[in-house]
């Protein structure tokens, strides 16, 4: 009688292959997290560009003046007679949707969208500005004149530094910059 030989992997061989696969996965996971963080940042940038376009459309329909938007809807800065609106109320008719007000990085925490109705804070100094004669609220701080251009006027920014400690900052001309804190553009 002959014995049949069965060709199969031994337990040791299977464990070695599984260990190699586990090592490869552990090497790839950090790079996948980096890719996901960059994708979230790009989504946020796209949202802010949409807000910038909506502001410019609003301005062209409202005598070249920017909207009065409440920067902290949960703790209003403006009185009820100032006519301040949320970002969605002011810019909704110009294409801003609830999805455009949600930064994916913010939604993962601290989630200002749930608290304020937007992941982006409107800069109070940008409210009700005449785009042909913008008042600089920080002339001493920026070593600039009392007026500034649209490319220097900060419109909105992330409520918190959710992009690796940095903020995406939207300026009046639709330009975006990343910084470690929101700041007036002095260039």
Protein backbone atom coordinates (compact mmCIF):
# COMPACT_ATOMS: atom_id res chain seq x y z
CA UNK A 1 0.00 0.00 0.00
CA UNK A 2 1.24 3.34 -0.88
CA UNK A 3 0.75 6.38 1.13
CA UNK A 4 -0.62 9.40 -0.60
CA UNK A 5 1.31 12.59 -0.19
CA UNK A 6 -0.83 15.61 0.44
CA UNK A 7 0.80 18.90 -0.43
CA UNK A 8 -0.28 21.63 1.95
CA UNK A 9 1.15 24.55 3.88
CA UNK A 10 2.33 23.87 7.36
CA UNK A 11 1.10 25.92 10.29
CA UNK A 12 4.47 27.62 10.60
CA UNK A 13 4.43 28.70 6.95
CA UNK A 14 0.94 30.15 7.33
CA UNK A 15 1.96 32.05 10.47
CA UNK A 16 5.01 33.50 8.72
CA UNK A 17 2.88 34.71 5.79
CA UNK A 18 0.34 36.25 8.18
CA UNK A 19 3.14 38.01 10.09
CA UNK A 20 4.54 39.47 6.85
CA UNK A 21 1.09 40.72 5.82
CA UNK A 22 0.58 42.26 9.27
CA UNK A 23 3.92 44.09 8.99
CA UNK A 24 3.02 45.46 5.57
CA UNK A 25 -0.38 46.64 6.78
CA UNK A 26 1.20 48.37 9.80
CA UNK A 27 3.56 50.20 7.43
CA UNK A 28 0.71 51.35 5.17
CA UNK A 29 -1.79 52.52 7.81
CA UNK A 30 0.03 55.76 8.77
CA UNK A 31 0.29 56.78 5.13
CA UNK A 32 -3.43 56.10 4.64
CA UNK A 33 -4.21 58.38 7.59
CA UNK A 34 -2.09 61.11 6.01
CA UNK A 35 -3.90 60.71 2.70
CA UNK A 36 -7.27 60.89 4.47
CA UNK A 37 -6.23 64.06 6.36
CA UNK A 38 -5.14 65.70 3.09
CA UNK A 39 -8.43 64.73 1.46
CA UNK A 40 -10.33 66.30 4.37
CA UNK A 41 -8.27 69.48 4.01
CA UNK A 42 -8.99 69.63 0.28
CA UNK A 43 -12.72 69.22 0.94
CA UNK A 44 -12.51 72.08 3.44
CA UNK A 45 -10.67 74.26 0.90
CA UNK A 46 -13.37 73.53 -1.69
CA UNK A 47 -16.06 74.48 0.82
CA UNK A 48 -14.34 77.75 1.62
CA UNK A 49 -13.93 78.57 -2.07
CA UNK A 50 -17.68 78.03 -2.48
CA UNK A 51 -18.29 80.44 0.40
CA UNK A 52 -15.95 82.97 -1.25
CA UNK A 53 -17.81 82.77 -4.56
CA UNK A 54 -21.14 83.16 -2.73
CA UNK A 55 -19.87 86.26 -0.88
CA UNK A 56 -18.79 87.86 -4.14
CA UNK A 57 -22.19 87.11 -5.69
CA UNK A 58 -23.89 88.57 -2.60
CA UNK A 59 -21.74 91.70 -2.82
CA UNK A 60 -22.68 92.29 -6.47
CA UNK A 61 -26.38 92.11 -5.53
CA UNK A 62 -26.16 94.30 -2.40
CA UNK A 63 -24.55 97.63 -3.37
CA UNK A 64 -21.01 96.23 -3.07
CA UNK A 65 -21.42 95.52 0.67
CA UNK A 66 -20.56 92.27 2.42
CA UNK A 67 -23.24 90.47 4.45
CA UNK A 68 -23.63 90.87 8.19
CA UNK A 69 -23.00 87.35 9.43
CA UNK A 70 -23.07 86.29 13.07
CA UNK A 71 -19.63 84.79 13.90
CA UNK A 72 -20.90 82.90 16.98
CA UNK A 73 -24.60 82.06 16.48
CA UNK A 74 -24.74 80.28 19.85
CA UNK A 75 -23.42 83.45 21.57
CA UNK A 76 -24.49 86.35 19.36
CA UNK A 77 -22.13 89.27 18.91
CA UNK A 78 -24.69 91.45 17.14
CA UNK A 79 -27.93 92.78 18.58
CA UNK A 80 -31.22 91.63 17.11
CA UNK A 81 -31.62 95.02 15.34
CA UNK A 82 -28.31 94.69 13.41
CA UNK A 83 -29.79 92.27 10.89
CA UNK A 84 -27.10 89.64 11.36
CA UNK A 85 -27.75 86.22 9.85
CA UNK A 86 -26.10 82.85 9.95
CA UNK A 87 -23.80 82.03 7.07
CA UNK A 88 -26.42 79.70 5.60
CA UNK A 89 -29.17 82.32 5.82
CA UNK A 90 -27.04 85.02 4.20
CA UNK A 91 -25.38 82.93 1.50
CA UNK A 92 -27.82 80.05 0.93
CA UNK A 93 -29.41 81.71 -2.09
CA UNK A 94 -25.94 82.05 -3.62
CA UNK A 95 -25.12 78.34 -3.56
CA UNK A 96 -23.89 77.70 -0.03
CA UNK A 97 -25.46 74.52 1.34
CA UNK A 98 -25.26 72.81 4.71
CA UNK A 99 -22.71 70.41 3.18
CA UNK A 100 -20.51 73.36 2.19
CA UNK A 101 -20.49 74.53 5.80
CA UNK A 102 -19.12 71.22 7.10
CA UNK A 103 -15.37 70.70 7.34
CA UNK A 104 -14.70 66.94 7.55
CA UNK A 105 -11.86 67.51 10.04
CA UNK A 106 -14.13 69.59 12.28
CA UNK A 107 -16.89 66.96 12.20
CA UNK A 108 -14.45 64.42 13.67
CA UNK A 109 -13.96 66.80 16.60
CA UNK A 110 -14.49 69.42 18.05
CA UNK A 111 -17.59 69.63 15.78
CA UNK A 112 -18.34 73.35 15.70
CA UNK A 113 -20.83 72.56 12.96
CA UNK A 114 -23.14 71.00 15.58
CA UNK A 115 -22.66 73.96 17.94
CA UNK A 116 -22.69 76.90 15.51
CA UNK A 117 -24.31 75.60 12.31
CA UNK A 118 -21.01 75.96 10.44
CA UNK A 119 -17.45 74.67 10.74
CA UNK A 120 -16.27 78.12 9.62
CA UNK A 121 -16.26 81.32 11.63
CA UNK A 122 -17.11 84.57 9.90
CA UNK A 123 -14.65 87.35 10.71
CA UNK A 124 -16.73 90.13 12.38
CA UNK A 125 -14.58 92.82 10.74
CA UNK A 126 -15.77 91.62 7.34
CA UNK A 127 -19.45 92.31 8.05
CA UNK A 128 -21.17 95.12 6.15
CA UNK A 129 -17.96 96.31 4.49
CA UNK A 130 -18.05 98.44 1.35
CA UNK A 131 -15.77 96.46 -0.95
CA UNK A 132 -14.41 99.67 -2.54
CA UNK A 133 -13.35 101.16 0.81
CA UNK A 134 -12.66 98.39 3.34
CA UNK A 135 -11.97 99.54 6.88
CA UNK A 136 -8.91 97.96 8.48
CA UNK A 137 -9.80 97.14 12.08
CA UNK A 138 -6.17 96.52 13.01
CA UNK A 139 -4.10 99.36 11.45
CA UNK A 140 -1.49 99.37 14.25
CA UNK A 141 -1.15 95.60 14.29
CA UNK A 142 -0.67 95.28 10.53
CA UNK A 143 1.30 98.51 9.92
CA UNK A 144 -1.18 99.31 7.19
CA UNK A 145 -3.39 102.23 6.32
CA UNK A 146 -6.93 102.48 7.63
CA UNK A 147 -8.22 100.88 4.41
CA UNK A 148 -7.33 97.61 2.75
CA UNK A 149 -8.00 95.61 -0.40
CA UNK A 150 -10.25 92.58 -0.85
CA UNK A 151 -7.17 90.34 -1.03
CA UNK A 152 -6.21 91.51 2.48
CA UNK A 153 -9.67 91.28 4.06
CA UNK A 154 -10.18 88.05 5.98
CA UNK A 155 -13.73 86.72 5.52
CA UNK A 156 -13.88 83.35 7.26
CA UNK A 157 -11.68 80.67 8.80
CA UNK A 158 -11.90 77.34 10.62
CA UNK A 159 -13.22 77.70 14.17
CA UNK A 160 -10.21 75.73 15.38
CA UNK A 161 -6.91 74.53 13.96
CA UNK A 162 -8.23 71.15 12.84
CA UNK A 163 -5.75 70.76 9.96
CA UNK A 164 -2.66 69.62 11.87
CA UNK A 165 -2.91 72.69 14.09
CA UNK A 166 -3.45 75.03 11.15
CA UNK A 167 -6.41 77.08 9.93
CA UNK A 168 -7.70 77.54 6.41
CA UNK A 169 -8.35 81.27 5.99
CA UNK A 170 -10.60 82.72 3.25
CA UNK A 171 -9.91 86.25 1.97
CA UNK A 172 -12.24 88.67 0.20
CA UNK A 173 -10.84 88.00 -3.27
CA UNK A 174 -11.54 84.27 -2.86
CA UNK A 175 -7.92 83.46 -2.03
CA UNK A 176 -7.10 80.90 0.65
CA UNK A 177 -4.11 80.55 2.91
CA UNK A 178 -3.13 78.15 5.67
CA UNK A 179 -1.70 79.51 8.87
CA UNK A 180 -1.19 78.56 12.48
CA UNK A 181 -3.71 81.25 13.49
CA UNK A 182 -6.14 83.41 11.52
CA UNK A 183 -4.49 86.68 10.56
CA UNK A 184 -4.95 89.77 8.45
CA UNK A 185 -2.94 89.48 5.25
CA UNK A 186 -0.26 92.19 5.22
CA UNK A 187 1.13 91.38 1.76
